[in-house]
N, C-alpha and C. Protein backbone atom coordinates (compact mmCIF):
# COMPACT_ATOMS: atom_id res chain seq x y z
N UNK A 1 -6.88 5.80 52.58
CA UNK A 1 -6.57 5.57 51.18
C UNK A 1 -5.58 4.42 51.07
N UNK A 2 -5.96 3.42 50.30
CA UNK A 2 -5.09 2.27 50.13
C UNK A 2 -4.12 2.48 48.98
N UNK A 3 -3.06 1.72 49.01
CA UNK A 3 -2.09 1.79 47.92
C UNK A 3 -2.66 1.10 46.69
N UNK A 4 -2.28 1.58 45.55
CA UNK A 4 -2.72 0.97 44.31
C UNK A 4 -1.88 -0.29 44.06
N UNK A 5 -2.55 -1.40 43.80
CA UNK A 5 -1.83 -2.64 43.58
C UNK A 5 -1.16 -2.64 42.22
N UNK A 6 0.06 -3.15 42.17
CA UNK A 6 0.81 -3.25 40.93
C UNK A 6 0.77 -4.70 40.49
N UNK A 7 0.37 -4.90 39.25
CA UNK A 7 0.29 -6.25 38.71
C UNK A 7 1.71 -6.74 38.40
N UNK A 8 2.18 -7.81 39.08
CA UNK A 8 3.56 -8.28 38.84
C UNK A 8 3.77 -8.79 37.41
N UNK A 9 2.73 -9.33 36.82
CA UNK A 9 2.85 -9.84 35.43
C UNK A 9 3.10 -8.67 34.47
N UNK A 10 2.39 -7.57 34.67
CA UNK A 10 2.57 -6.39 33.83
C UNK A 10 3.99 -5.83 34.00
N UNK A 11 4.47 -5.81 35.22
CA UNK A 11 5.82 -5.31 35.47
C UNK A 11 6.87 -6.17 34.78
N UNK A 12 6.67 -7.49 34.84
CA UNK A 12 7.63 -8.42 34.28
C UNK A 12 7.73 -8.29 32.76
N UNK A 13 6.60 -8.09 32.10
CA UNK A 13 6.59 -8.06 30.63
C UNK A 13 6.61 -6.65 30.04
N UNK A 14 6.74 -5.63 30.87
CA UNK A 14 6.76 -4.25 30.39
C UNK A 14 7.95 -3.99 29.48
N UNK A 15 9.06 -4.70 29.72
CA UNK A 15 10.26 -4.47 28.91
C UNK A 15 10.09 -4.92 27.46
N UNK A 16 9.10 -5.78 27.20
CA UNK A 16 8.88 -6.26 25.83
C UNK A 16 7.99 -5.34 25.01
N UNK A 17 7.28 -4.44 25.69
CA UNK A 17 6.40 -3.51 24.97
C UNK A 17 7.23 -2.41 24.35
N UNK A 18 6.93 -2.09 23.11
CA UNK A 18 7.66 -1.03 22.42
C UNK A 18 6.70 0.10 22.08
N UNK A 19 7.25 1.28 22.03
CA UNK A 19 6.46 2.43 21.59
C UNK A 19 6.22 2.29 20.10
N UNK A 20 4.97 2.43 19.69
CA UNK A 20 4.64 2.29 18.28
C UNK A 20 4.44 3.67 17.66
N UNK A 21 5.06 3.85 16.52
CA UNK A 21 4.93 5.12 15.82
C UNK A 21 3.55 5.21 15.18
N UNK A 22 2.98 6.41 15.21
CA UNK A 22 1.65 6.58 14.62
C UNK A 22 1.73 6.99 13.15
N UNK A 23 2.90 7.37 12.67
CA UNK A 23 3.04 7.77 11.28
C UNK A 23 3.64 6.63 10.47
N UNK A 24 3.18 6.51 9.24
CA UNK A 24 3.69 5.48 8.36
C UNK A 24 4.60 6.10 7.31
N UNK A 25 5.64 5.40 6.96
CA UNK A 25 6.56 5.86 5.93
C UNK A 25 6.13 5.21 4.61
N UNK A 26 5.58 6.01 3.69
CA UNK A 26 5.06 5.46 2.44
C UNK A 26 5.86 5.95 1.23
N UNK A 27 7.09 6.32 1.46
CA UNK A 27 7.93 6.77 0.35
C UNK A 27 8.35 5.59 -0.50
N UNK A 28 8.47 5.83 -1.80
CA UNK A 28 8.93 4.79 -2.71
C UNK A 28 10.44 4.63 -2.53
N UNK A 29 10.93 3.39 -2.64
CA UNK A 29 12.37 3.20 -2.53
C UNK A 29 13.08 3.78 -3.75
N UNK A 30 14.33 4.14 -3.59
CA UNK A 30 15.11 4.65 -4.71
C UNK A 30 15.38 3.52 -5.69
N UNK A 31 15.14 3.80 -6.97
CA UNK A 31 15.32 2.78 -8.00
C UNK A 31 16.67 2.95 -8.69
N UNK A 32 17.23 1.84 -9.10
CA UNK A 32 18.44 1.89 -9.89
C UNK A 32 18.06 2.32 -11.30
N UNK A 33 19.00 2.77 -12.12
CA UNK A 33 18.66 3.16 -13.49
C UNK A 33 17.98 2.05 -14.29
N UNK A 34 18.42 0.80 -14.08
CA UNK A 34 17.79 -0.31 -14.79
C UNK A 34 16.34 -0.50 -14.34
N UNK A 35 16.11 -0.39 -13.04
CA UNK A 35 14.76 -0.54 -12.52
C UNK A 35 13.87 0.60 -13.00
N UNK A 36 14.43 1.81 -13.06
CA UNK A 36 13.67 2.97 -13.53
C UNK A 36 13.26 2.78 -14.99
N UNK A 37 14.19 2.29 -15.80
CA UNK A 37 13.91 2.05 -17.22
C UNK A 37 12.84 0.97 -17.36
N UNK A 38 12.92 -0.10 -16.57
CA UNK A 38 11.93 -1.18 -16.61
C UNK A 38 10.56 -0.66 -16.20
N UNK A 39 10.52 0.21 -15.20
CA UNK A 39 9.26 0.78 -14.74
C UNK A 39 8.61 1.60 -15.86
N UNK A 40 9.41 2.42 -16.54
CA UNK A 40 8.88 3.23 -17.64
C UNK A 40 8.33 2.34 -18.75
N UNK A 41 9.07 1.28 -19.10
CA UNK A 41 8.61 0.38 -20.14
C UNK A 41 7.30 -0.31 -19.74
N UNK A 42 7.21 -0.72 -18.50
CA UNK A 42 5.98 -1.36 -18.01
C UNK A 42 4.80 -0.40 -18.07
N UNK A 43 5.02 0.85 -17.67
CA UNK A 43 3.95 1.84 -17.70
C UNK A 43 3.50 2.12 -19.14
N UNK A 44 4.45 2.17 -20.07
CA UNK A 44 4.10 2.38 -21.47
C UNK A 44 3.29 1.21 -22.01
N UNK A 45 3.69 -0.01 -21.65
CA UNK A 45 2.96 -1.20 -22.10
C UNK A 45 1.54 -1.19 -21.57
N UNK A 46 1.37 -0.86 -20.31
CA UNK A 46 0.04 -0.83 -19.70
C UNK A 46 -0.81 0.26 -20.33
N UNK A 47 -0.23 1.44 -20.56
CA UNK A 47 -1.03 2.52 -21.15
C UNK A 47 -1.43 2.18 -22.59
N UNK A 48 -0.54 1.54 -23.32
CA UNK A 48 -0.86 1.11 -24.69
C UNK A 48 -1.99 0.08 -24.67
N UNK A 49 -1.91 -0.85 -23.75
CA UNK A 49 -2.96 -1.87 -23.62
C UNK A 49 -4.30 -1.23 -23.30
N UNK A 50 -4.30 -0.30 -22.34
CA UNK A 50 -5.55 0.35 -21.94
C UNK A 50 -6.11 1.21 -23.07
N UNK A 51 -5.25 1.75 -23.91
CA UNK A 51 -5.71 2.62 -24.99
C UNK A 51 -6.34 1.82 -26.13
N UNK A 52 -5.71 0.70 -26.51
CA UNK A 52 -6.16 -0.02 -27.70
C UNK A 52 -7.03 -1.23 -27.41
N UNK A 53 -7.08 -1.71 -26.21
CA UNK A 53 -7.90 -2.87 -25.89
C UNK A 53 -9.08 -2.47 -25.02
N UNK A 54 -9.98 -1.77 -25.60
CA UNK A 54 -11.16 -1.35 -24.86
C UNK A 54 -12.15 -2.50 -24.80
N UNK A 55 -12.96 -2.54 -23.76
CA UNK A 55 -13.94 -3.63 -23.67
C UNK A 55 -14.98 -3.51 -24.78
N UNK A 56 -15.54 -4.62 -25.23
CA UNK A 56 -16.55 -4.55 -26.28
C UNK A 56 -17.80 -3.81 -25.79
N UNK A 57 -18.47 -3.17 -26.72
CA UNK A 57 -19.67 -2.43 -26.35
C UNK A 57 -20.76 -3.40 -25.94
N UNK A 58 -21.53 -2.97 -24.97
CA UNK A 58 -22.65 -3.81 -24.54
C UNK A 58 -23.83 -3.58 -25.45
N UNK A 59 -24.82 -4.43 -25.33
CA UNK A 59 -25.99 -4.35 -26.19
C UNK A 59 -26.69 -2.99 -26.01
N UNK A 60 -26.74 -2.50 -24.79
CA UNK A 60 -27.39 -1.23 -24.51
C UNK A 60 -26.67 -0.08 -25.20
N UNK A 61 -25.34 -0.09 -25.22
CA UNK A 61 -24.57 0.96 -25.87
C UNK A 61 -24.82 0.97 -27.37
N UNK A 62 -24.98 -0.20 -27.99
CA UNK A 62 -25.22 -0.29 -29.42
C UNK A 62 -26.58 0.30 -29.78
N UNK A 63 -27.57 0.06 -28.96
CA UNK A 63 -28.92 0.59 -29.21
C UNK A 63 -28.93 2.09 -28.99
N UNK A 64 -28.24 2.54 -28.00
CA UNK A 64 -28.24 3.95 -27.63
C UNK A 64 -27.69 4.83 -28.74
N UNK A 65 -26.63 4.38 -29.43
CA UNK A 65 -25.99 5.22 -30.44
C UNK A 65 -26.55 5.03 -31.80
């Protein structure tokens, strides 16, 4: 049985390899009160836009109803 050869290049650069975490941190950052207020205002603006600016009806929808 022969000895297993060790690659010198792998040994030399092993110190640069880091263990990588398999889990991701997807938590939202903590917002300041001003940022929280701005976020609420933005969400209200978007919901108002989506509520009142509906796309025009297509020709098929007009015939159907």
